Amino acid sequence: MSQKIVRVGDIECGSDELFLISGPCVIEDEKIMMTVAEKLKEISERLNIKMIYKSSFQKDNRSSLDYYSGPGLDKGIKILAKVKEQFGFPLLTDIHYPDQAAPVAEVVDVLQIPAYLCMQTMLVTAAAQTGRVVNVKHGQFLAPENMKHPVKKIEDSGNDQIILTERGYTFGYNDLVVDPRSFYHMARTNYPVVFDVTHAIRKYGIPSKDSKGGAREYLPVLARAGVAAGVDGLFVEAHTCPSEALCDAASQLDISLLEEFLKPLLELHAVEVKYRNTLKELA
């Protein structure tokens, strides 16, 4: 079977062109959101890499009621719409409940199913029924070959515009491990596969505000492994000042470092594409 191409704006996800999903983890002050978007636009043009702007209007899995969970749907969608209008990025955001799907789909190009919720039938089918692209985050608890189940639910709902995103497996206590075999298994669904490298370095049980809540030293090696394995896109959350971010402060990448972070990955991707067909014959 040929690789399924999923179009998001002018991006052909699943083609030989690597794309990026990036933006702050959660929608914060509008100035921060627009500043990140401006810098992403500059990087996109200089490196000739297509981008999808990502930020969440709600983070419904924070470990404490005291932690910021986002501005909510109405305010959040308005800010995302401004980003789209000013910079032209296609948009991606999470939904957590079935009744959020339709209003979010009026503005956003890709509806994201959070990893914890990837097996929630009503949520997944509500997203599918909007006709928008659905990005399903791989549940930390699920074997990669079992991602075929949420995929089938979306297909059976009449939607074949699907992206799958890897973000690591729960391993032991409070740790995540990325198994490169998962890229192979998820690619066998025939849909584009993205690697969420910044969520893969989070340390469970430690608040993201704590510098020990993430392991940024692993970002380059994990990203290279994913690109070399043939992923179609990268997911890298970025912020103007990660240490002051209101969510995932320990794992987001400083936007000032993103361009240099991407350069070797684009070169590595070009090598992987060159030998892609040969390597498939070996499988």
C-alpha atoms as a PDB file:
ATOM      1  CA  MET A   1       0.000   0.000   0.000  1.00  0.00           C
ATOM      2  CA  SER A   2       1.152   3.507  -0.744  1.00  0.00           C
ATOM      3  CA  GLN A   3       1.578   6.031   2.059  1.00  0.00           C
ATOM      4  CA  LYS A   4      -1.568   7.998   2.841  1.00  0.00           C
ATOM      5  CA  ILE A   5      -1.098  11.729   2.255  1.00  0.00           C
ATOM      6  CA  VAL A   6      -3.032  13.864   4.723  1.00  0.00           C
ATOM      7  CA  ARG A   7      -3.309  17.516   3.726  1.00  0.00           C
ATOM      8  CA  VAL A   8      -3.189  20.179   6.431  1.00  0.00           C
ATOM      9  CA  GLY A   9      -3.336  23.600   4.812  1.00  0.00           C
ATOM     10  CA  ASP A  10      -0.589  23.497   2.191  1.00  0.00           C
ATOM     11  CA  ILE A  11       1.285  20.695   3.998  1.00  0.00           C
ATOM     12  CA  GLU A  12       1.215  17.194   2.551  1.00  0.00           C
ATOM     13  CA  CYS A  13       1.731  15.145   5.701  1.00  0.00           C
ATOM     14  CA  GLY A  14       3.146  11.759   4.751  1.00  0.00           C
ATOM     15  CA  SER A  15       5.089  13.001   1.745  1.00  0.00           C
ATOM     16  CA  ASP A  16       8.881  13.092   1.596  1.00  0.00           C
ATOM     17  CA  GLU A  17       8.885  16.562   3.186  1.00  0.00           C
ATOM     18  CA  LEU A  18       9.435  16.734   6.958  1.00  0.00           C
ATOM     19  CA  PHE A  19       6.995  19.051   8.741  1.00  0.00           C
ATOM     20  CA  LEU A  20       6.923  20.562  12.217  1.00  0.00           C
ATOM     21  CA  ILE A  21       4.191  20.977  14.828  1.00  0.00           C
ATOM     22  CA  SER A  22       5.231  23.684  17.282  1.00  0.00           C
ATOM     23  CA  GLY A  23       4.049  26.377  19.648  1.00  0.00           C
ATOM     24  CA  PRO A  24       3.599  26.881  23.399  1.00  0.00           C
ATOM     25  CA  CYS A  25       2.156  23.931  25.315  1.00  0.00           C
ATOM     26  CA  VAL A  26      -0.846  25.905  26.543  1.00  0.00           C
ATOM     27  CA  ILE A  27      -2.312  29.226  25.415  1.00  0.00           C
ATOM     28  CA  GLU A  28      -0.930  31.958  27.662  1.00  0.00           C
ATOM     29  CA  ASP A  29      -0.734  35.719  27.263  1.00  0.00           C
ATOM     30  CA  GLU A  30      -1.595  36.763  23.701  1.00  0.00           C
ATOM     31  CA  LYS A  31       1.734  38.572  23.332  1.00  0.00           C
ATOM     32  CA  ILE A  32       3.661  35.352  24.021  1.00  0.00           C
ATOM     33  CA  MET A  33       1.519  33.468  21.532  1.00  0.00           C
ATOM     34  CA  MET A  34       2.074  36.009  18.782  1.00  0.00           C
ATOM     35  CA  THR A  35       5.805  36.341  19.494  1.00  0.00           C
ATOM     36  CA  VAL A  36       6.282  32.578  19.202  1.00  0.00           C
ATOM     37  CA  ALA A  37       4.247  32.549  15.976  1.00  0.00           C
ATOM     38  CA  GLU A  38       6.368  35.351  14.499  1.00  0.00           C
ATOM     39  CA  LYS A  39       9.594  33.529  15.292  1.00  0.00           C
ATOM     40  CA  LEU A  40       8.208  30.249  13.924  1.00  0.00           C
ATOM     41  CA  LYS A  41       7.300  32.048  10.703  1.00  0.00           C
ATOM     42  CA  GLU A  42      10.853  33.349  10.359  1.00  0.00           C
ATOM     43  CA  ILE A  43      12.328  29.891  10.992  1.00  0.00           C
ATOM     44  CA  SER A  44       9.900  28.306   8.545  1.00  0.00           C
ATOM     45  CA  GLU A  45      10.970  30.684   5.805  1.00  0.00           C
ATOM     46  CA  ARG A  46      14.705  30.440   6.488  1.00  0.00           C
ATOM     47  CA  LEU A  47      14.769  26.631   6.709  1.00  0.00           C
ATOM     48  CA  ASN A  48      11.989  26.012   4.179  1.00  0.00           C
ATOM     49  CA  ILE A  49      10.089  23.781   6.577  1.00  0.00           C
ATOM     50  CA  LYS A  50       6.300  23.693   6.747  1.00  0.00           C
ATOM     51  CA  MET A  51       4.750  24.219  10.192  1.00  0.00           C
ATOM     52  CA  ILE A  52       1.503  23.641  12.056  1.00  0.00           C
ATOM     53  CA  TYR A  53       0.968  25.970  15.013  1.00  0.00           C
ATOM     54  CA  LYS A  54      -0.017  24.108  18.199  1.00  0.00           C
ATOM     55  CA  SER A  55      -1.265  25.339  21.534  1.00  0.00           C
ATOM     56  CA  SER A  56      -3.924  24.032  23.922  1.00  0.00           C
ATOM     57  CA  PHE A  57      -6.886  26.094  25.147  1.00  0.00           C
ATOM     58  CA  GLN A  58      -7.289  23.566  27.951  1.00  0.00           C
ATOM     59  CA  LYS A  59      -4.950  21.161  29.719  1.00  0.00           C
ATOM     60  CA  ASP A  60      -7.289  18.866  31.574  1.00  0.00           C
ATOM     61  CA  ASN A  61      -4.675  16.504  32.969  1.00  0.00           C
ATOM     62  CA  ARG A  62      -2.740  18.822  35.302  1.00  0.00           C
ATOM     63  CA  SER A  63      -1.734  17.108  38.544  1.00  0.00           C
ATOM     64  CA  SER A  64      -3.128  19.844  40.794  1.00  0.00           C
ATOM     65  CA  LEU A  65      -6.076  22.245  40.794  1.00  0.00           C
ATOM     66  CA  ASP A  66      -3.544  24.965  41.583  1.00  0.00           C
ATOM     67  CA  TYR A  67      -1.851  24.634  38.174  1.00  0.00           C
ATOM     68  CA  TYR A  68      -2.839  26.718  35.171  1.00  0.00           C
ATOM     69  CA  SER A  69      -5.057  24.760  32.785  1.00  0.00           C
ATOM     70  CA  GLY A  70      -5.568  27.307  30.005  1.00  0.00           C
ATOM     71  CA  PRO A  71      -7.919  30.160  29.116  1.00  0.00           C
ATOM     72  CA  GLY A  72     -10.815  27.948  28.068  1.00  0.00           C
ATOM     73  CA  LEU A  73     -12.373  27.237  24.701  1.00  0.00           C
ATOM     74  CA  ASP A  74     -13.883  30.606  23.751  1.00  0.00           C
ATOM     75  CA  LYS A  75     -10.925  32.822  24.600  1.00  0.00           C
ATOM     76  CA  GLY A  76      -8.391  30.250  23.443  1.00  0.00           C
ATOM     77  CA  ILE A  77      -9.937  29.768  20.024  1.00  0.00           C
ATOM     78  CA  LYS A  78     -10.052  33.542  19.471  1.00  0.00           C
ATOM     79  CA  ILE A  79      -6.310  33.789  20.125  1.00  0.00           C
ATOM     80  CA  LEU A  80      -5.568  30.864  17.819  1.00  0.00           C
ATOM     81  CA  ALA A  81      -7.704  32.477  15.115  1.00  0.00           C
ATOM     82  CA  LYS A  82      -5.552  35.633  15.392  1.00  0.00           C
ATOM     83  CA  VAL A  83      -2.401  33.559  14.931  1.00  0.00           C
ATOM     84  CA  LYS A  84      -3.894  31.962  11.826  1.00  0.00           C
ATOM     85  CA  GLU A  85      -5.062  35.274  10.391  1.00  0.00           C
ATOM     86  CA  GLN A  86      -1.775  37.097  10.937  1.00  0.00           C
ATOM     87  CA  PHE A  87       0.745  34.359  10.119  1.00  0.00           C
ATOM     88  CA  GLY A  88      -1.169  31.882   7.960  1.00  0.00           C
ATOM     89  CA  PHE A  89      -0.318  28.791   9.979  1.00  0.00           C
ATOM     90  CA  PRO A  90      -2.715  25.849  10.029  1.00  0.00           C
ATOM     91  CA  LEU A  91      -3.724  25.194  13.635  1.00  0.00           C
ATOM     92  CA  LEU A  92      -3.734  22.195  15.979  1.00  0.00           C
ATOM     93  CA  THR A  93      -5.225  21.997  19.459  1.00  0.00           C
ATOM     94  CA  ASP A  94      -6.447  19.362  21.908  1.00  0.00           C
ATOM     95  CA  ILE A  95     -10.029  18.493  22.645  1.00  0.00           C
ATOM     96  CA  HIS A  96     -10.998  16.619  25.804  1.00  0.00           C
ATOM     97  CA  TYR A  97     -14.767  16.259  25.508  1.00  0.00           C
ATOM     98  CA  PRO A  98     -17.038  15.343  22.585  1.00  0.00           C
ATOM     99  CA  ASP A  99     -18.957  18.635  22.732  1.00  0.00           C
ATOM    100  CA  GLN A 100     -15.741  20.577  22.098  1.00  0.00           C
ATOM    101  CA  ALA A 101     -15.179  18.998  18.688  1.00  0.00           C
ATOM    102  CA  ALA A 102     -17.630  20.986  16.550  1.00  0.00           C
ATOM    103  CA  PRO A 103     -16.851  24.516  17.828  1.00  0.00           C
ATOM    104  CA  VAL A 104     -13.095  23.889  17.701  1.00  0.00           C
ATOM    105  CA  ALA A 105     -13.359  22.524  14.150  1.00  0.00           C
ATOM    106  CA  GLU A 106     -14.814  25.863  12.991  1.00  0.00           C
ATOM    107  CA  VAL A 107     -11.356  27.439  13.440  1.00  0.00           C
ATOM    108  CA  VAL A 108      -8.762  24.710  13.902  1.00  0.00           C
ATOM    109  CA  ASP A 109      -7.394  22.481  11.113  1.00  0.00           C
ATOM    110  CA  VAL A 110      -6.314  19.505  13.245  1.00  0.00           C
ATOM    111  CA  LEU A 111      -8.168  18.177  16.284  1.00  0.00           C
ATOM    112  CA  GLN A 112      -5.782  16.427  18.647  1.00  0.00           C
ATOM    113  CA  ILE A 113      -6.817  13.525  20.879  1.00  0.00           C
ATOM    114  CA  PRO A 114      -4.668  13.554  24.049  1.00  0.00           C
ATOM    115  CA  ALA A 115      -2.680  10.404  24.749  1.00  0.00           C
ATOM    116  CA  TYR A 116      -4.604   9.500  27.892  1.00  0.00           C
ATOM    117  CA  LEU A 117      -7.857   9.699  25.911  1.00  0.00           C
ATOM    118  CA  CYS A 118      -6.932   7.896  22.698  1.00  0.00           C
ATOM    119  CA  MET A 119      -9.285   4.980  23.409  1.00  0.00           C
ATOM    120  CA  GLN A 120     -12.285   7.155  24.346  1.00  0.00           C
ATOM    121  CA  THR A 121     -14.777   6.206  21.650  1.00  0.00           C
ATOM    122  CA  MET A 122     -17.182   9.154  21.950  1.00  0.00           C
ATOM    123  CA  LEU A 123     -14.334  11.661  21.871  1.00  0.00           C
ATOM    124  CA  VAL A 124     -12.566  10.079  18.908  1.00  0.00           C
ATOM    125  CA  THR A 125     -15.749   9.694  16.860  1.00  0.00           C
ATOM    126  CA  ALA A 126     -16.893  13.252  17.620  1.00  0.00           C
ATOM    127  CA  ALA A 127     -13.573  14.532  16.285  1.00  0.00           C
ATOM    128  CA  ALA A 128     -13.834  12.298  13.222  1.00  0.00           C
ATOM    129  CA  GLN A 129     -17.358  13.470  12.409  1.00  0.00           C
ATOM    130  CA  THR A 130     -16.223  17.089  12.044  1.00  0.00           C
ATOM    131  CA  GLY A 131     -14.346  16.104   8.872  1.00  0.00           C
ATOM    132  CA  ARG A 132     -11.197  17.765  10.174  1.00  0.00           C
ATOM    133  CA  VAL A 133      -7.831  16.024  10.365  1.00  0.00           C
ATOM    134  CA  VAL A 134      -7.562  14.060  13.618  1.00  0.00           C
ATOM    135  CA  ASN A 135      -4.174  13.700  15.312  1.00  0.00           C
ATOM    136  CA  VAL A 136      -4.255  10.826  17.798  1.00  0.00           C
ATOM    137  CA  LYS A 137      -1.541  10.889  20.440  1.00  0.00           C
ATOM    138  CA  HIS A 138      -0.304   7.400  21.260  1.00  0.00           C
ATOM    139  CA  GLY A 139      -1.384   6.394  24.748  1.00  0.00           C
ATOM    140  CA  GLN A 140       1.521   5.757  27.108  1.00  0.00           C
ATOM    141  CA  PHE A 141      -0.230   2.535  28.156  1.00  0.00           C
ATOM    142  CA  LEU A 142      -0.868   1.116  24.677  1.00  0.00           C
ATOM    143  CA  ALA A 143       1.240  -1.168  22.484  1.00  0.00           C
ATOM    144  CA  PRO A 144       1.941   0.659  19.195  1.00  0.00           C
ATOM    145  CA  GLU A 145       0.242  -1.947  17.020  1.00  0.00           C
ATOM    146  CA  ASN A 146      -2.948  -1.360  19.026  1.00  0.00           C
ATOM    147  CA  MET A 147      -3.198   2.175  17.678  1.00  0.00           C
ATOM    148  CA  LYS A 148      -5.093   0.440  14.880  1.00  0.00           C
ATOM    149  CA  HIS A 149      -8.143   0.494  17.162  1.00  0.00           C
ATOM    150  CA  PRO A 150      -8.645   4.289  17.430  1.00  0.00           C
ATOM    151  CA  VAL A 151      -7.713   4.505  13.740  1.00  0.00           C
ATOM    152  CA  LYS A 152     -10.497   2.066  12.875  1.00  0.00           C
ATOM    153  CA  LYS A 153     -13.003   4.051  14.949  1.00  0.00           C
ATOM    154  CA  ILE A 154     -12.156   7.204  12.999  1.00  0.00           C
ATOM    155  CA  GLU A 155     -12.337   5.399   9.653  1.00  0.00           C
ATOM    156  CA  ASP A 156     -15.670   3.814  10.574  1.00  0.00           C
ATOM    157  CA  SER A 157     -16.937   7.313  11.345  1.00  0.00           C
ATOM    158  CA  GLY A 158     -16.278   8.281   7.731  1.00  0.00           C
ATOM    159  CA  ASN A 159     -12.958  10.088   8.150  1.00  0.00           C
ATOM    160  CA  ASP A 160      -9.600   8.937   6.775  1.00  0.00           C
ATOM    161  CA  GLN A 161      -7.713  12.155   7.553  1.00  0.00           C
ATOM    162  CA  ILE A 162      -5.597  10.786  10.387  1.00  0.00           C
ATOM    163  CA  ILE A 163      -2.173  11.483  11.880  1.00  0.00           C
ATOM    164  CA  LEU A 164      -0.595   9.401  14.647  1.00  0.00           C
ATOM    165  CA  THR A 165       1.823  10.864  17.175  1.00  0.00           C
ATOM    166  CA  GLU A 166       4.306   8.983  19.350  1.00  0.00           C
ATOM    167  CA  ARG A 167       5.257  10.432  22.744  1.00  0.00           C
ATOM    168  CA  GLY A 168       6.841   7.552  24.686  1.00  0.00           C
ATOM    169  CA  TYR A 169       5.745   4.653  26.889  1.00  0.00           C
ATOM    170  CA  THR A 170       5.308   4.484  30.630  1.00  0.00           C
ATOM    171  CA  PHE A 171       8.245   2.444  31.880  1.00  0.00           C
ATOM    172  CA  GLY A 172       8.572   1.557  35.530  1.00  0.00           C
ATOM    173  CA  TYR A 173       7.662   4.439  37.801  1.00  0.00           C
ATOM    174  CA  ASN A 174       7.460   8.060  36.650  1.00  0.00           C
ATOM    175  CA  ASP A 175       9.468   7.599  33.495  1.00  0.00           C
ATOM    176  CA  LEU A 176       8.884   7.458  29.751  1.00  0.00           C
ATOM    177  CA  VAL A 177      10.875   5.501  27.211  1.00  0.00           C
ATOM    178  CA  VAL A 178      10.761   5.879  23.429  1.00  0.00           C
ATOM    179  CA  ASP A 179      10.984   2.595  21.546  1.00  0.00           C
ATOM    180  CA  PRO A 180      11.905   3.237  17.870  1.00  0.00           C
ATOM    181  CA  ARG A 181       9.994   0.097  16.914  1.00  0.00           C
ATOM    182  CA  SER A 182       6.824   2.057  17.606  1.00  0.00           C
ATOM    183  CA  PHE A 183       7.474   4.256  14.553  1.00  0.00           C
ATOM    184  CA  TYR A 184       7.511   1.144  12.397  1.00  0.00           C
ATOM    185  CA  HIS A 185       4.345  -0.307  13.903  1.00  0.00           C
ATOM    186  CA  MET A 186       2.355   2.916  13.675  1.00  0.00           C
ATOM    187  CA  ALA A 187       3.516   3.543  10.099  1.00  0.00           C
ATOM    188  CA  ARG A 188       1.956   0.201   9.161  1.00  0.00           C
ATOM    189  CA  THR A 189      -1.451   1.836   9.620  1.00  0.00           C
ATOM    190  CA  ASN A 190      -0.492   3.681   6.413  1.00  0.00           C
ATOM    191  CA  TYR A 191      -1.048   7.076   8.061  1.00  0.00           C
ATOM    192  CA  PRO A 192       1.569   9.787   8.728  1.00  0.00           C
ATOM    193  CA  VAL A 193       3.533   9.387  11.955  1.00  0.00           C
ATOM    194  CA  VAL A 194       4.784  12.284  14.082  1.00  0.00           C
ATOM    195  CA  PHE A 195       7.264  12.155  16.944  1.00  0.00           C
ATOM    196  CA  ASP A 196       6.437  14.380  19.925  1.00  0.00           C
ATOM    197  CA  VAL A 197       9.942  14.695  21.273  1.00  0.00           C
ATOM    198  CA  THR A 198       9.295  17.334  23.957  1.00  0.00           C
ATOM    199  CA  HIS A 199       6.598  15.323  25.740  1.00  0.00           C
ATOM    200  CA  ALA A 200       8.806  12.240  25.555  1.00  0.00           C
ATOM    201  CA  ILE A 201      11.312  13.833  27.971  1.00  0.00           C
ATOM    202  CA  ARG A 202       8.784  14.659  30.731  1.00  0.00           C
ATOM    203  CA  LYS A 203       9.266  13.051  34.129  1.00  0.00           C
ATOM    204  CA  TYR A 204       5.965  11.938  35.597  1.00  0.00           C
ATOM    205  CA  GLY A 205       5.232  12.805  39.210  1.00  0.00           C
ATOM    206  CA  ILE A 206       7.479  15.882  39.128  1.00  0.00           C
ATOM    207  CA  PRO A 207       5.815  19.248  38.451  1.00  0.00           C
ATOM    208  CA  SER A 208       6.834  20.650  35.082  1.00  0.00           C
ATOM    209  CA  LYS A 209       7.834  23.892  36.816  1.00  0.00           C
ATOM    210  CA  ASP A 210      10.605  21.937  38.538  1.00  0.00           C
ATOM    211  CA  SER A 211      13.716  21.714  36.354  1.00  0.00           C
ATOM    212  CA  LYS A 212      13.861  18.008  37.233  1.00  0.00           C
ATOM    213  CA  GLY A 213      10.476  17.520  35.571  1.00  0.00           C
ATOM    214  CA  GLY A 214      12.097  17.096  32.172  1.00  0.00           C
ATOM    215  CA  ALA A 215      15.358  15.908  30.631  1.00  0.00           C
ATOM    216  CA  ARG A 216      16.203  18.305  27.795  1.00  0.00           C
ATOM    217  CA  GLU A 217      19.623  16.724  27.351  1.00  0.00           C
ATOM    218  CA  TYR A 218      17.866  13.886  25.534  1.00  0.00           C
ATOM    219  CA  LEU A 219      16.087  16.095  22.996  1.00  0.00           C
ATOM    220  CA  PRO A 220      18.782  15.985  20.263  1.00  0.00           C
ATOM    221  CA  VAL A 221      19.417  12.236  20.421  1.00  0.00           C
ATOM    222  CA  LEU A 222      15.729  11.321  20.546  1.00  0.00           C
ATOM    223  CA  ALA A 223      14.852  13.677  17.712  1.00  0.00           C
ATOM    224  CA  ARG A 224      17.652  12.262  15.559  1.00  0.00           C
ATOM    225  CA  ALA A 225      16.509   8.714  16.287  1.00  0.00           C
ATOM    226  CA  GLY A 226      12.956   9.530  15.227  1.00  0.00           C
ATOM    227  CA  VAL A 227      13.976  11.268  12.016  1.00  0.00           C
ATOM    228  CA  ALA A 228      16.401   8.488  11.124  1.00  0.00           C
ATOM    229  CA  ALA A 229      13.588   5.997  11.726  1.00  0.00           C
ATOM    230  CA  GLY A 230      11.538   7.768   9.075  1.00  0.00           C
ATOM    231  CA  VAL A 231       8.899   9.806  10.924  1.00  0.00           C
ATOM    232  CA  ASP A 232       6.903  12.195   8.761  1.00  0.00           C
ATOM    233  CA  GLY A 233       6.828  15.076  11.218  1.00  0.00           C
ATOM    234  CA  LEU A 234       8.245  16.384  14.480  1.00  0.00           C
ATOM    235  CA  PHE A 235       6.321  17.853  17.412  1.00  0.00           C
ATOM    236  CA  VAL A 236       8.440  20.312  19.401  1.00  0.00           C
ATOM    237  CA  GLU A 237       6.748  22.619  21.879  1.00  0.00           C
ATOM    238  CA  ALA A 238       8.497  25.984  22.047  1.00  0.00           C
ATOM    239  CA  HIS A 239       8.287  29.047  24.281  1.00  0.00           C
ATOM    240  CA  THR A 240       9.980  32.440  24.593  1.00  0.00           C
ATOM    241  CA  CYS A 241      11.073  31.607  28.161  1.00  0.00           C
ATOM    242  CA  PRO A 242      10.454  27.950  29.051  1.00  0.00           C
ATOM    243  CA  SER A 243      11.373  28.362  32.723  1.00  0.00           C
ATOM    244  CA  GLU A 244       8.440  30.764  33.088  1.00  0.00           C
ATOM    245  CA  ALA A 245       5.994  28.746  30.975  1.00  0.00           C
ATOM    246  CA  LEU A 246       2.680  27.977  32.654  1.00  0.00           C
ATOM    247  CA  CYS A 247       2.776  24.326  31.562  1.00  0.00           C
ATOM    248  CA  ASP A 248       5.592  21.916  30.636  1.00  0.00           C
ATOM    249  CA  ALA A 249       8.220  24.422  31.700  1.00  0.00           C
ATOM    250  CA  ALA A 250      10.840  21.684  32.064  1.00  0.00           C
ATOM    251  CA  SER A 251      10.394  20.203  28.597  1.00  0.00           C
ATOM    252  CA  GLN A 252       9.566  22.975  26.128  1.00  0.00           C
ATOM    253  CA  LEU A 253      12.398  24.190  23.921  1.00  0.00           C
ATOM    254  CA  ASP A 254      13.487  27.819  23.981  1.00  0.00           C
ATOM    255  CA  ILE A 255      12.301  29.272  20.674  1.00  0.00           C
ATOM    256  CA  SER A 256      15.712  30.928  20.230  1.00  0.00           C
ATOM    257  CA  LEU A 257      17.290  27.444  19.999  1.00  0.00           C
ATOM    258  CA  LEU A 258      14.782  25.883  17.630  1.00  0.00           C
ATOM    259  CA  GLU A 259      16.423  26.819  14.327  1.00  0.00           C
ATOM    260  CA  GLU A 260      19.787  25.287  15.187  1.00  0.00           C
ATOM    261  CA  PHE A 261      17.990  22.284  16.676  1.00  0.00           C
ATOM    262  CA  LEU A 262      16.225  21.655  13.366  1.00  0.00           C
ATOM    263  CA  LYS A 263      19.163  22.086  10.956  1.00  0.00           C
ATOM    264  CA  PRO A 264      20.836  18.669  11.496  1.00  0.00           C
ATOM    265  CA  LEU A 265      17.432  16.990  11.583  1.00  0.00           C
ATOM    266  CA  LEU A 266      16.584  18.316   8.130  1.00  0.00           C
ATOM    267  CA  GLU A 267      19.898  17.046   6.787  1.00  0.00           C
ATOM    268  CA  LEU A 268      19.351  13.657   8.396  1.00  0.00           C
ATOM    269  CA  HIS A 269      15.832  13.525   6.977  1.00  0.00           C
ATOM    270  CA  ALA A 270      17.212  14.085   3.472  1.00  0.00           C
ATOM    271  CA  VAL A 271      19.490  11.054   3.909  1.00  0.00           C
ATOM    272  CA  GLU A 272      16.620   8.927   5.236  1.00  0.00           C
ATOM    273  CA  VAL A 273      14.419   9.865   2.274  1.00  0.00           C
ATOM    274  CA  LYS A 274      17.229   9.022  -0.154  1.00  0.00           C
ATOM    275  CA  TYR A 275      17.378   5.450   1.119  1.00  0.00           C
ATOM    276  CA  ARG A 276      13.745   5.076   2.217  1.00  0.00           C
ATOM    277  CA  ASN A 277      12.628   2.697  -0.522  1.00  0.00           C
ATOM    278  CA  THR A 278      15.739   0.542  -0.199  1.00  0.00           C
ATOM    279  CA  LEU A 279      15.200   0.171   3.549  1.00  0.00           C
ATOM    280  CA  LYS A 280      11.533  -0.744   3.027  1.00  0.00           C
ATOM    281  CA  GLU A 281      12.647  -3.645   0.846  1.00  0.00           C
ATOM    282  CA  LEU A 282      14.653  -5.000   3.768  1.00  0.00           C
ATOM    283  CA  ALA A 283      11.641  -5.038   6.109  1.00  0.00           C
END
